[in-house]
């Protein structure tokens, strides 16, 4: 037993480490750990009742976390995008998948509807991690993707409640589909009422105890109570955990709740994915590899096409539409949870063997997403995807004269530089890959265009020339893109002066070593300005402050010089 446990944790650690380096969600690492340590491969553990129980706890914690993110006020602020784009995405995917499932399987109509709804859901945990790693959560594309994921999470309430109906069963309440929808609305309204009238005062009393143990137990009790209540009404306990999370999201304690429950929730969620991996019938999947492969390709292609069409109809630019569709083209943990809930509840809307095939397809689609994104990025960078079309649409009325200064990146730093150049009537061209920033900047009168600053072709098109260009400003957030931009600038104009922003001294040193004339570390300068205000407030003379800052700048920026050793 100890050796099995040691081997399991060793496998889990290696998988988490490798997949994190590959920017793949860590939940997949636990899934793989379950597959490897399960009875079909290394046989370190058997899928016993204990593992099943831990997996069920993991299901509830996962749904609790999803509910905790669904703040009613936040949902209302984003209602048009969430309920417009999100609902259209789900309906379109279901409309595309349903006839395919109905034509290729012997399932009932209700079974096909249920599976189509399951497959319409994407992996929120994986997609949000991918957007964060790509620094695209704050972009227009990232916000729209996030809105769709929020709608999918919100749809969990009626979908979980309708499971017995869709499976041809009935609740103890004798509910119909209409009853379920009414009940779902009632549950959401109930969340707001209970949170304000009951839960906030209770949590206030618990918080006054200043006991982490009591606070944590109160959270756990909230999850279990709601799970038991739902079970009493013949509904999945996971729905109770979901509502418990929504209740907590409406309290002033939601941030501390997230901090306290986070480690425990991650543990149980990981155990769910481990148990899911253990239960994956590898020999069966090997025997049916062709069906799984065809299902995987069909799911990704059909879902991509459906989401892309919806995005384009809503006026999303082609490149953003393709990115949204590609990120959301996989199945997700929602589908895995529903399938597991069906299995645990004895709901047999589709054959058990088909559930295993669907589980494999969903898992493989989640694995495929980062790989497909990497291929997409490579094709886009090579100029084979959308670049010509998008540049043509955004970059109308290209500058006729070569500018004195080229600004690479039009975020907050690039905009300030542009304002100061405008004030002195110095000609410039600013470039950025964020089309929203470009359009807003154009509306405000800035000379900004859409373009990849790391591309030599783009830089030449916008006037970078060895003898004409007086300076290049690199004001990019992404350090990799900044380094690639510096390399492209030097390739065209080796002697041009380059002024760059940097996050810290280490990045400043690296940029200067690559040939940048001056690299300003933002953390250092902001610290100097903060210290200036403090010293001035406590009565230090302006002359002394300036002298001190001059000395501090000299000491700090000396370490940026090429060849200077790190201190």
Protein backbone atom coordinates (compact mmCIF):
# COMPACT_ATOMS: atom_id res chain seq x y z
CA UNK A 1 0.00 0.00 0.00
CA UNK A 2 2.66 2.65 0.91
CA UNK A 3 4.51 1.91 -2.34
CA UNK A 4 1.28 2.28 -4.33
CA UNK A 5 0.56 5.62 -2.66
CA UNK A 6 4.13 6.80 -3.29
CA UNK A 7 3.94 5.75 -6.94
CA UNK A 8 0.59 7.49 -7.36
CA UNK A 9 1.78 10.81 -5.92
CA UNK A 10 4.97 10.58 -7.96
CA UNK A 11 2.94 10.07 -11.14
CA UNK A 12 0.57 12.92 -10.23
CA UNK A 13 3.46 15.31 -9.50
CA UNK A 14 5.24 14.58 -12.78
CA UNK A 15 2.02 14.94 -14.77
CA UNK A 16 1.06 18.23 -13.09
CA UNK A 17 4.59 19.57 -13.65
CA UNK A 18 4.75 18.57 -17.33
CA UNK A 19 1.22 19.69 -18.23
CA UNK A 20 1.67 22.99 -16.42
CA UNK A 21 4.80 23.66 -18.47
CA UNK A 22 2.73 22.85 -21.55
CA UNK A 23 0.03 25.30 -20.32
CA UNK A 24 -2.54 22.55 -20.03
CA UNK A 25 -5.04 22.51 -17.16
CA UNK A 26 -3.85 20.60 -14.10
CA UNK A 27 -7.20 18.79 -13.81
CA UNK A 28 -6.19 16.76 -16.85
CA UNK A 29 -3.04 15.72 -14.96
CA UNK A 30 -5.17 14.13 -12.24
CA UNK A 31 -7.29 12.49 -14.88
CA UNK A 32 -4.20 10.95 -16.47
CA UNK A 33 -2.95 9.94 -13.02
CA UNK A 34 -6.20 8.05 -12.47
CA UNK A 35 -5.93 6.34 -15.86
CA UNK A 36 -2.33 5.26 -15.24
CA UNK A 37 -2.84 4.10 -11.64
CA UNK A 38 -6.21 2.47 -12.31
CA UNK A 39 -7.03 -1.21 -12.80
CA UNK A 40 -6.56 -1.17 -16.58
CA UNK A 41 -2.90 -0.06 -16.65
CA UNK A 42 -0.57 -0.04 -13.60
CA UNK A 43 -3.27 -1.44 -11.28
CA UNK A 44 -2.06 0.52 -8.25
CA UNK A 45 -5.64 0.96 -7.00
CA UNK A 46 -9.05 -0.58 -7.61
CA UNK A 47 -12.13 1.57 -8.14
CA UNK A 48 -13.71 0.79 -4.76
CA UNK A 49 -16.67 2.39 -3.00
CA UNK A 50 -14.22 4.67 -1.19
CA UNK A 51 -12.93 6.15 -4.43
CA UNK A 52 -16.49 6.49 -5.70
CA UNK A 53 -17.50 8.34 -2.51
CA UNK A 54 -14.51 10.67 -2.79
CA UNK A 55 -15.40 11.26 -6.42
CA UNK A 56 -18.96 12.23 -5.45
CA UNK A 57 -17.56 14.71 -2.91
CA UNK A 58 -15.38 16.07 -5.70
CA UNK A 59 -18.45 16.55 -7.90
CA UNK A 60 -20.14 18.61 -5.19
CA UNK A 61 -17.06 20.76 -4.59
CA UNK A 62 -16.65 21.39 -8.30
CA UNK A 63 -20.25 22.51 -8.61
CA UNK A 64 -19.86 24.63 -5.46
CA UNK A 65 -16.88 26.43 -7.04
CA UNK A 66 -18.86 27.05 -10.23
CA UNK A 67 -21.74 28.51 -8.24
CA UNK A 68 -19.35 30.66 -6.21
CA UNK A 69 -18.30 32.43 -9.41
CA UNK A 70 -21.87 33.26 -10.45
CA UNK A 71 -22.57 36.49 -8.63
CA UNK A 72 -26.08 37.75 -9.48
CA UNK A 73 -24.99 41.40 -9.75
CA UNK A 74 -22.15 40.47 -12.08
CA UNK A 75 -24.46 38.40 -14.24
CA UNK A 76 -26.95 41.27 -14.52
CA UNK A 77 -24.23 43.71 -15.64
CA UNK A 78 -23.24 41.35 -18.47
CA UNK A 79 -26.78 40.16 -19.23
CA UNK A 80 -26.86 41.15 -22.89
CA UNK A 81 -23.68 39.29 -23.81
CA UNK A 82 -24.32 36.35 -21.49
CA UNK A 83 -27.94 35.70 -22.44
CA UNK A 84 -27.50 36.82 -26.06
CA UNK A 85 -24.24 35.31 -27.25
CA UNK A 86 -24.25 32.52 -24.66
CA UNK A 87 -27.77 31.33 -25.39
CA UNK A 88 -27.23 31.57 -29.16
CA UNK A 89 -24.08 29.47 -28.87
CA UNK A 90 -25.78 26.68 -26.95
CA UNK A 91 -28.86 26.64 -29.20
CA UNK A 92 -26.78 26.61 -32.38
CA UNK A 93 -24.53 23.77 -31.17
CA UNK A 94 -27.56 21.74 -30.08
CA UNK A 95 -29.26 22.42 -33.44
CA UNK A 96 -26.17 21.12 -35.27
CA UNK A 97 -25.43 18.12 -33.05
CA UNK A 98 -28.99 16.83 -32.51
CA UNK A 99 -29.73 15.67 -36.11
CA UNK A 100 -26.29 14.03 -36.29
CA UNK A 101 -26.84 12.12 -33.04
CA UNK A 102 -30.40 11.19 -33.97
CA UNK A 103 -29.33 9.94 -37.39
CA UNK A 104 -26.27 7.95 -36.27
CA UNK A 105 -27.55 6.38 -33.03
CA UNK A 106 -30.57 4.45 -31.82
CA UNK A 107 -31.10 6.77 -28.86
CA UNK A 108 -34.45 8.28 -28.01
CA UNK A 109 -35.20 11.89 -28.92
CA UNK A 110 -34.81 12.89 -25.27
CA UNK A 111 -31.48 11.04 -25.08
CA UNK A 112 -30.18 12.87 -28.16
CA UNK A 113 -31.31 16.22 -26.74
CA UNK A 114 -29.58 15.54 -23.45
CA UNK A 115 -26.29 14.48 -25.08
CA UNK A 116 -26.40 17.48 -27.44
CA UNK A 117 -26.80 19.78 -24.43
CA UNK A 118 -23.96 18.03 -22.62
CA UNK A 119 -21.63 18.38 -25.61
CA UNK A 120 -22.63 22.03 -26.08
CA UNK A 121 -20.88 22.80 -22.79
CA UNK A 122 -17.17 23.60 -22.78
CA UNK A 123 -14.44 23.28 -20.17
CA UNK A 124 -14.57 26.51 -18.13
CA UNK A 125 -11.53 25.59 -16.03
CA UNK A 126 -9.36 24.83 -19.07
CA UNK A 127 -10.59 27.73 -21.22
CA UNK A 128 -10.15 30.38 -18.53
CA UNK A 129 -6.65 29.06 -17.81
CA UNK A 130 -5.79 29.20 -21.51
CA UNK A 131 -7.06 32.78 -21.80
CA UNK A 132 -5.12 33.81 -18.69
CA UNK A 133 -1.90 32.21 -19.99
CA UNK A 134 -2.34 34.06 -23.29
CA UNK A 135 -3.08 37.40 -21.54
CA UNK A 136 -6.40 37.59 -23.40
CA UNK A 137 -8.97 37.62 -20.58
CA UNK A 138 -9.28 41.42 -20.82
CA UNK A 139 -9.55 41.53 -24.62
CA UNK A 140 -12.87 41.74 -26.41
CA UNK A 141 -12.48 38.13 -27.54
CA UNK A 142 -11.67 37.03 -23.99
CA UNK A 143 -14.67 38.85 -22.51
CA UNK A 144 -17.06 37.31 -25.04
CA UNK A 145 -15.64 33.84 -24.42
CA UNK A 146 -16.00 34.38 -20.68
CA UNK A 147 -19.64 35.45 -21.14
CA UNK A 148 -20.45 32.25 -23.02
CA UNK A 149 -18.82 30.18 -20.28
CA UNK A 150 -20.87 32.05 -17.67
CA UNK A 151 -24.08 31.24 -19.52
CA UNK A 152 -23.09 27.59 -19.72
CA UNK A 153 -22.52 27.53 -15.97
CA UNK A 154 -25.86 29.24 -15.36
CA UNK A 155 -27.59 26.69 -17.59
CA UNK A 156 -26.50 24.04 -15.11
CA UNK A 157 -29.52 24.79 -12.92
CA UNK A 158 -32.28 23.80 -15.36
CA UNK A 159 -30.18 21.12 -17.04
CA UNK A 160 -29.42 19.30 -13.81
CA UNK A 161 -33.03 19.65 -12.75
CA UNK A 162 -34.29 18.32 -16.08
CA UNK A 163 -32.08 15.22 -16.07
CA UNK A 164 -34.84 12.91 -14.83
CA UNK A 165 -37.35 14.39 -17.28
CA UNK A 166 -34.99 14.02 -20.22
CA UNK A 167 -34.27 10.47 -19.15
CA UNK A 168 -37.97 9.60 -19.20
CA UNK A 169 -38.38 9.61 -15.43
CA UNK A 170 -40.21 11.97 -13.11
CA UNK A 171 -39.37 13.77 -9.89
CA UNK A 172 -41.02 13.19 -6.59
CA UNK A 173 -42.55 16.61 -7.24
CA UNK A 174 -44.18 15.30 -10.41
CA UNK A 175 -42.48 18.02 -12.35
CA UNK A 176 -42.88 18.66 -16.03
CA UNK A 177 -40.40 20.53 -18.19
CA UNK A 178 -42.32 23.77 -17.57
CA UNK A 179 -42.30 23.07 -13.85
CA UNK A 180 -38.55 22.63 -13.95
CA UNK A 181 -37.99 25.94 -15.73
CA UNK A 182 -40.25 27.75 -13.26
CA UNK A 183 -38.47 26.04 -10.41
CA UNK A 184 -35.08 27.10 -11.80
CA UNK A 185 -36.12 30.76 -11.83
CA UNK A 186 -37.49 30.34 -8.33
CA UNK A 187 -34.24 28.83 -7.13
CA UNK A 188 -32.22 31.77 -8.48
CA UNK A 189 -34.57 34.27 -6.78
CA UNK A 190 -34.43 32.16 -3.62
CA UNK A 191 -30.65 32.44 -3.65
CA UNK A 192 -30.85 36.21 -3.39
CA UNK A 193 -33.47 36.14 -0.62
CA UNK A 194 -31.79 33.47 1.52
CA UNK A 195 -28.36 35.07 1.11
CA UNK A 196 -29.60 38.48 2.26
CA UNK A 197 -31.97 37.39 5.06
CA UNK A 198 -30.34 34.30 6.52
CA UNK A 199 -26.87 33.46 5.30
CA UNK A 200 -25.27 36.88 5.77
CA UNK A 201 -26.29 37.11 9.48
CA UNK A 202 -25.23 33.49 10.12
CA UNK A 203 -21.84 33.99 8.48
CA UNK A 204 -21.44 37.25 10.42
CA UNK A 205 -21.84 35.35 13.69
CA UNK A 206 -19.38 32.71 12.56
CA UNK A 207 -16.87 35.36 11.44
CA UNK A 208 -17.03 37.03 14.88
CA UNK A 209 -15.72 33.81 16.44
CA UNK A 210 -12.46 34.38 14.54
CA UNK A 211 -12.07 30.66 14.17
CA UNK A 212 -10.89 29.29 10.85
CA UNK A 213 -12.22 25.89 11.81
CA UNK A 214 -15.72 27.23 12.50
CA UNK A 215 -15.66 29.29 9.28
CA UNK A 216 -14.61 26.27 7.22
CA UNK A 217 -17.20 24.00 8.84
CA UNK A 218 -19.91 26.57 8.13
CA UNK A 219 -18.98 26.46 4.44
CA UNK A 220 -18.98 22.66 4.41
CA UNK A 221 -22.32 22.57 6.21
CA UNK A 222 -23.81 24.92 3.63
CA UNK A 223 -22.74 22.57 0.82
CA UNK A 224 -24.02 19.41 2.53
CA UNK A 225 -27.35 20.92 3.65
CA UNK A 226 -28.28 22.04 0.16
CA UNK A 227 -27.12 18.75 -1.35
CA UNK A 228 -29.37 16.85 1.10
CA UNK A 229 -32.32 19.17 0.37
CA UNK A 230 -32.03 18.57 -3.37
CA UNK A 231 -31.72 14.82 -2.81
CA UNK A 232 -34.91 14.86 -0.74
CA UNK A 233 -36.78 16.36 -3.71
CA UNK A 234 -35.37 13.76 -6.09
CA UNK A 235 -32.88 16.18 -7.67
CA UNK A 236 -29.12 15.61 -8.07
CA UNK A 237 -27.14 16.59 -4.93
CA UNK A 238 -24.71 18.43 -7.23
CA UNK A 239 -27.47 20.98 -7.88
CA UNK A 240 -27.61 21.65 -4.15
CA UNK A 241 -23.86 22.23 -4.01
CA UNK A 242 -24.19 24.58 -7.00
CA UNK A 243 -26.91 26.59 -5.27
CA UNK A 244 -24.85 26.62 -2.08
CA UNK A 245 -22.04 28.26 -4.04
CA UNK A 246 -24.41 30.84 -5.50
CA UNK A 247 -25.68 31.59 -2.00
CA UNK A 248 -22.15 32.18 -0.76
CA UNK A 249 -21.37 34.38 -3.80
CA UNK A 250 -24.09 36.79 -2.65
CA UNK A 251 -22.47 37.36 0.75
CA UNK A 252 -19.72 39.81 1.67
CA UNK A 253 -17.60 36.82 2.72
CA UNK A 254 -17.29 35.24 -0.74
CA UNK A 255 -13.63 36.21 -1.21
CA UNK A 256 -12.58 34.74 2.14
CA UNK A 257 -14.74 31.67 1.41
CA UNK A 258 -12.87 31.16 -1.84
CA UNK A 259 -9.54 31.47 -0.02
CA UNK A 260 -10.50 29.10 2.81
CA UNK A 261 -12.20 26.40 0.75
CA UNK A 262 -9.75 26.57 -2.17
CA UNK A 263 -7.19 23.96 -1.05
CA UNK A 264 -9.82 21.48 0.14
CA UNK A 265 -11.97 21.98 -2.95
CA UNK A 266 -8.96 21.42 -5.20
CA UNK A 267 -8.17 18.20 -3.34
CA UNK A 268 -11.64 16.74 -3.73
CA UNK A 269 -12.01 17.95 -7.32
CA UNK A 270 -8.69 16.28 -8.10
CA UNK A 271 -9.97 13.07 -6.51
CA UNK A 272 -13.06 13.22 -8.73
CA UNK A 273 -10.91 13.35 -11.84
CA UNK A 274 -8.69 10.59 -10.47
CA UNK A 275 -11.72 8.34 -9.87
CA UNK A 276 -13.03 9.24 -13.33
CA UNK A 277 -9.72 8.22 -14.87
CA UNK A 278 -9.71 4.96 -12.93
CA UNK A 279 -13.13 4.11 -14.31
CA UNK A 280 -12.13 4.74 -17.92
CA UNK A 281 -12.30 1.37 -19.67
CA UNK A 282 -9.05 1.42 -21.65
CA UNK A 283 -9.44 -2.01 -23.35
CA UNK A 284 -12.94 -1.06 -24.48
CA UNK A 285 -11.69 2.23 -25.91
CA UNK A 286 -8.85 0.51 -27.73
CA UNK A 287 -11.33 -1.90 -29.28
CA UNK A 288 -13.51 1.05 -30.32
CA UNK A 289 -10.74 3.53 -31.23
CA UNK A 290 -12.21 4.32 -34.65
CA UNK A 291 -15.58 5.33 -33.18
CA UNK A 292 -13.84 7.48 -30.55
CA UNK A 293 -11.59 9.13 -33.14
CA UNK A 294 -14.48 9.87 -35.50
CA UNK A 295 -16.56 11.19 -32.59
CA UNK A 296 -13.72 13.44 -31.47
CA UNK A 297 -13.18 14.94 -34.93
CA UNK A 298 -16.92 15.31 -35.47
CA UNK A 299 -17.45 17.08 -32.14
CA UNK A 300 -14.58 19.56 -32.61
CA UNK A 301 -15.48 20.33 -36.24
CA UNK A 302 -19.25 20.71 -35.77
CA UNK A 303 -18.91 22.71 -32.57
CA UNK A 304 -16.27 24.97 -34.13
CA UNK A 305 -18.46 25.62 -37.18
CA UNK A 306 -21.58 26.34 -35.09
CA UNK A 307 -19.85 28.77 -32.72
CA UNK A 308 -18.00 30.50 -35.57
CA UNK A 309 -21.26 31.12 -37.44
CA UNK A 310 -22.96 32.55 -34.33
CA UNK A 311 -19.99 34.84 -33.63
CA UNK A 312 -19.89 36.15 -37.20
CA UNK A 313 -23.65 36.78 -37.21
CA UNK A 314 -23.15 38.87 -34.07
CA UNK A 315 -20.56 40.98 -35.88
CA UNK A 316 -17.42 39.51 -34.33
CA UNK A 317 -14.37 39.89 -36.57
CA UNK A 318 -13.33 36.74 -38.37
CA UNK A 319 -10.13 36.16 -36.42
CA UNK A 320 -11.79 36.67 -33.04
CA UNK A 321 -14.70 34.45 -34.11
CA UNK A 322 -12.29 31.68 -35.06
CA UNK A 323 -10.43 32.00 -31.75
CA UNK A 324 -13.66 31.90 -29.70
CA UNK A 325 -14.87 28.86 -31.64
CA UNK A 326 -11.56 27.05 -31.27
CA UNK A 327 -11.32 27.66 -27.53
CA UNK A 328 -14.90 26.46 -26.96
CA UNK A 329 -14.87 23.56 -29.45
CA UNK A 330 -14.15 20.93 -26.80
CA UNK A 331 -16.37 19.18 -24.31
CA UNK A 332 -15.82 19.92 -20.67
CA UNK A 333 -15.99 18.91 -17.06
CA UNK A 334 -19.70 19.81 -17.12
CA UNK A 335 -20.37 16.93 -19.52
CA UNK A 336 -18.21 14.60 -17.43
CA UNK A 337 -20.11 15.62 -14.32
CA UNK A 338 -23.50 15.06 -15.97
CA UNK A 339 -22.48 11.65 -17.26
CA UNK A 340 -21.16 10.70 -13.83
CA UNK A 341 -24.33 12.03 -12.17
CA UNK A 342 -26.44 9.96 -14.56
CA UNK A 343 -24.39 6.91 -13.74
CA UNK A 344 -24.60 7.45 -9.97
CA UNK A 345 -28.36 8.17 -10.14
CA UNK A 346 -29.13 5.15 -12.28
CA UNK A 347 -30.42 7.24 -15.20
CA UNK A 348 -30.16 5.17 -18.38
CA UNK A 349 -31.06 7.57 -21.17
CA UNK A 350 -28.28 6.07 -23.31
CA UNK A 351 -26.40 2.73 -23.09
CA UNK A 352 -23.60 2.52 -20.51
CA UNK A 353 -21.04 1.64 -23.18
CA UNK A 354 -22.00 4.75 -25.10
CA UNK A 355 -21.46 6.80 -21.92
CA UNK A 356 -17.90 5.49 -21.79
CA UNK A 357 -17.34 6.47 -25.43
CA UNK A 358 -18.75 9.96 -24.76
CA UNK A 359 -16.52 10.30 -21.70
CA UNK A 360 -13.46 9.42 -23.77
CA UNK A 361 -14.45 11.87 -26.53
CA UNK A 362 -14.89 14.71 -24.03
CA UNK A 363 -11.57 13.99 -22.34
CA UNK A 364 -9.69 13.76 -25.63
CA UNK A 365 -11.28 17.01 -26.87
CA UNK A 366 -10.01 18.78 -23.75
CA UNK A 367 -6.53 17.43 -24.43
CA UNK A 368 -6.73 18.47 -28.08
CA UNK A 369 -7.65 22.13 -27.41
CA UNK A 370 -4.18 23.47 -26.39
CA UNK A 371 -2.62 21.49 -29.26
CA UNK A 372 -5.03 22.99 -31.79
CA UNK A 373 -4.44 26.48 -30.36
CA UNK A 374 -0.67 26.04 -30.76
CA UNK A 375 -1.16 25.02 -34.41
CA UNK A 376 -3.51 27.96 -34.93
CA UNK A 377 -0.99 30.40 -33.44
CA UNK A 378 1.76 29.06 -35.68
CA UNK A 379 -0.40 29.40 -38.80
CA UNK A 380 -1.49 32.89 -37.81
CA UNK A 381 2.07 33.98 -37.10
CA UNK A 382 3.13 32.73 -40.52
CA UNK A 383 0.48 34.97 -42.06
CA UNK A 384 -1.67 32.15 -43.44
CA UNK A 385 -4.79 32.90 -41.37
CA UNK A 386 -6.86 36.08 -41.47
CA UNK A 387 -3.95 38.49 -41.26
CA UNK A 388 -4.42 40.03 -44.69
CA UNK A 389 -8.20 40.32 -44.33
CA UNK A 390 -8.13 41.80 -40.86
CA UNK A 391 -5.37 44.28 -41.62
CA UNK A 392 -7.32 45.40 -44.70
CA UNK A 393 -10.50 45.91 -42.68
CA UNK A 394 -8.93 47.89 -39.85
CA UNK A 395 -6.05 49.64 -41.54
CA UNK A 396 -7.87 51.97 -43.91
CA UNK A 397 -6.10 55.08 -45.20
CA UNK A 398 -2.55 53.92 -44.48
CA UNK A 399 -0.02 56.70 -43.75
CA UNK A 400 1.58 58.08 -46.92
CA UNK A 401 4.71 59.51 -45.28
CA UNK A 402 7.25 57.68 -43.19
CA UNK A 403 6.91 58.63 -39.51
CA UNK A 404 9.69 59.88 -37.24
CA UNK A 405 8.71 57.47 -34.45
CA UNK A 406 7.08 54.04 -34.45
CA UNK A 407 5.23 52.98 -31.29
CA UNK A 408 4.91 49.21 -30.85
CA UNK A 409 1.99 48.55 -28.51
CA UNK A 410 -0.89 50.91 -27.80
CA UNK A 411 -1.77 50.19 -24.21
CA UNK A 412 -1.55 52.75 -21.44
CA UNK A 413 2.18 53.36 -22.00
CA UNK A 414 1.92 53.65 -25.78
CA UNK A 415 -0.99 56.09 -25.50
CA UNK A 416 0.93 58.41 -23.17
CA UNK A 417 3.92 58.41 -25.55
CA UNK A 418 1.57 59.20 -28.47
CA UNK A 419 0.01 62.11 -26.55
CA UNK A 420 3.41 63.64 -25.87
CA UNK A 421 4.52 63.24 -29.50
CA UNK A 422 1.28 64.88 -30.65
CA UNK A 423 1.92 67.80 -28.28
CA UNK A 424 5.29 68.45 -29.98
CA UNK A 425 3.96 67.79 -33.52
CA UNK A 426 6.30 64.84 -34.02
CA UNK A 427 5.02 62.34 -36.60
CA UNK A 428 4.44 58.77 -35.40
CA UNK A 429 2.65 55.53 -36.19
CA UNK A 430 1.39 53.24 -33.42
CA UNK A 431 0.78 49.52 -33.97
CA UNK A 432 -1.15 46.98 -31.88
CA UNK A 433 -2.78 43.55 -32.30
CA UNK A 434 -5.75 44.44 -30.08
CA UNK A 435 -8.31 45.53 -32.65
CA UNK A 436 -10.53 47.13 -29.99
CA UNK A 437 -7.67 49.31 -28.74
CA UNK A 438 -6.91 50.27 -32.35
CA UNK A 439 -10.49 51.25 -33.15
CA UNK A 440 -10.90 53.23 -29.91
CA UNK A 441 -7.57 54.98 -30.51
CA UNK A 442 -8.58 55.85 -34.09
CA UNK A 443 -11.87 57.30 -32.84
CA UNK A 444 -9.91 59.50 -30.42
CA UNK A 445 -7.68 60.83 -33.17
CA UNK A 446 -4.52 58.76 -32.61
CA UNK A 447 -2.50 57.58 -35.60
CA UNK A 448 -2.78 53.92 -34.67
CA UNK A 449 -3.15 50.84 -36.88
CA UNK A 450 -3.60 47.11 -36.58
CA UNK A 451 -0.39 45.12 -37.06
CA UNK A 452 2.00 42.56 -35.59
CA UNK A 453 5.07 44.50 -34.45
CA UNK A 454 7.21 41.35 -34.45
CA UNK A 455 6.71 41.02 -38.23
CA UNK A 456 9.39 42.65 -40.40
CA UNK A 457 6.90 42.94 -43.25
CA UNK A 458 4.46 44.93 -41.09
CA UNK A 459 7.19 47.22 -39.76
CA UNK A 460 8.40 47.98 -43.29
CA UNK A 461 4.84 48.62 -44.50
CA UNK A 462 4.38 51.24 -41.78
CA UNK A 463 7.56 53.14 -42.52
CA UNK A 464 10.43 51.66 -40.50
CA UNK A 465 13.54 52.66 -42.45
CA UNK A 466 17.24 52.78 -41.53
CA UNK A 467 17.77 56.50 -42.17
CA UNK A 468 14.29 57.98 -41.78
CA UNK A 469 13.06 56.51 -38.49
CA UNK A 470 14.42 58.50 -35.53
CA UNK A 471 13.19 56.20 -32.74
CA UNK A 472 11.16 53.08 -31.97
CA UNK A 473 9.15 52.73 -28.76
CA UNK A 474 8.46 49.18 -27.55
CA UNK A 475 5.53 49.45 -25.12
CA UNK A 476 4.32 45.83 -25.16
CA UNK A 477 2.97 43.86 -22.19
CA UNK A 478 4.20 40.49 -23.43
CA UNK A 479 7.97 40.10 -22.97
CA UNK A 480 8.30 37.45 -25.69
CA UNK A 481 6.58 39.69 -28.25
CA UNK A 482 8.76 42.60 -27.09
CA UNK A 483 11.96 40.63 -27.67
CA UNK A 484 10.76 39.46 -31.09
CA UNK A 485 9.90 43.06 -31.97
CA UNK A 486 13.36 44.28 -30.99
CA UNK A 487 14.91 41.59 -33.15
CA UNK A 488 12.75 42.54 -36.15
CA UNK A 489 13.53 46.26 -35.72
CA UNK A 490 17.28 45.60 -35.61
CA UNK A 491 17.01 43.40 -38.69
CA UNK A 492 15.58 46.33 -40.69
CA UNK A 493 17.30 49.31 -39.02
CA UNK A 494 20.29 48.15 -36.93
CA UNK A 495 21.24 51.66 -35.73
CA UNK A 496 17.81 53.00 -34.83
CA UNK A 497 17.31 54.04 -31.20
CA UNK A 498 14.91 51.74 -29.32
CA UNK A 499 13.18 52.82 -26.11
CA UNK A 500 11.32 50.09 -24.25
CA UNK A 501 9.20 49.57 -21.17
CA UNK A 502 10.16 46.81 -18.76
CA UNK A 503 8.46 45.33 -15.74
CA UNK A 504 11.56 45.22 -13.55
CA UNK A 505 15.35 45.53 -13.49
CA UNK A 506 15.89 41.96 -14.70
CA UNK A 507 13.81 42.60 -17.83
CA UNK A 508 15.57 45.93 -18.34
CA UNK A 509 18.95 44.19 -18.29
CA UNK A 510 17.75 41.61 -20.79
CA UNK A 511 16.37 44.23 -23.19
CA UNK A 512 19.51 46.37 -23.00
CA UNK A 513 21.59 43.25 -23.66
CA UNK A 514 19.53 42.72 -26.82
CA UNK A 515 20.45 46.19 -28.10
CA UNK A 516 17.71 48.40 -26.66
CA UNK A 517 18.94 51.94 -26.10
CA UNK A 518 16.96 52.51 -22.93
CA UNK A 519 14.62 50.19 -20.99
CA UNK A 520 12.61 51.81 -18.21
CA UNK A 521 11.59 49.44 -15.38
CA UNK A 522 8.03 50.33 -14.38
CA UNK A 523 8.34 49.01 -10.82
CA UNK A 524 11.38 51.17 -10.13
CA UNK A 525 9.90 54.39 -11.51
CA UNK A 526 6.58 53.90 -9.74
CA UNK A 527 8.50 53.27 -6.49
CA UNK A 528 10.46 56.52 -6.99
CA UNK A 529 7.27 58.52 -7.51
CA UNK A 530 5.68 56.93 -4.45
CA UNK A 531 8.74 57.70 -2.32
CA UNK A 532 8.76 61.28 -3.64
CA UNK A 533 5.23 61.84 -2.38
CA UNK A 534 5.99 60.31 1.03
CA UNK A 535 9.14 62.38 1.56
CA UNK A 536 7.45 65.57 0.44
CA UNK A 537 4.55 64.92 2.82
CA UNK A 538 6.82 64.46 5.84
CA UNK A 539 8.61 67.76 5.16
CA UNK A 540 11.75 66.88 3.19
CA UNK A 541 12.72 69.71 0.84
CA UNK A 542 12.25 69.31 -2.91
CA UNK A 543 15.99 69.88 -3.47
CA UNK A 544 16.94 67.03 -1.13
CA UNK A 545 14.34 64.71 -2.65
CA UNK A 546 15.58 65.36 -6.20
CA UNK A 547 19.19 64.77 -5.11
CA UNK A 548 18.23 61.53 -3.41
CA UNK A 549 16.24 60.34 -6.41
CA UNK A 550 19.14 61.18 -8.70
CA UNK A 551 21.43 59.09 -6.56
CA UNK A 552 18.94 56.21 -6.38
CA UNK A 553 18.40 56.28 -10.13
CA UNK A 554 22.13 56.21 -10.73
CA UNK A 555 22.58 53.24 -8.40
CA UNK A 556 19.66 51.26 -9.84
CA UNK A 557 20.12 52.00 -13.53
CA UNK A 558 23.83 51.26 -13.32
CA UNK A 559 22.80 47.64 -12.91
CA UNK A 560 20.94 47.79 -16.22
CA UNK A 561 24.08 48.54 -18.23
CA UNK A 562 25.28 45.68 -20.47
CA UNK A 563 27.73 43.39 -18.73
CA UNK A 564 26.79 44.57 -15.25
CA UNK A 565 26.61 41.70 -12.78
CA UNK A 566 23.43 41.08 -10.89
CA UNK A 567 23.60 42.22 -7.30
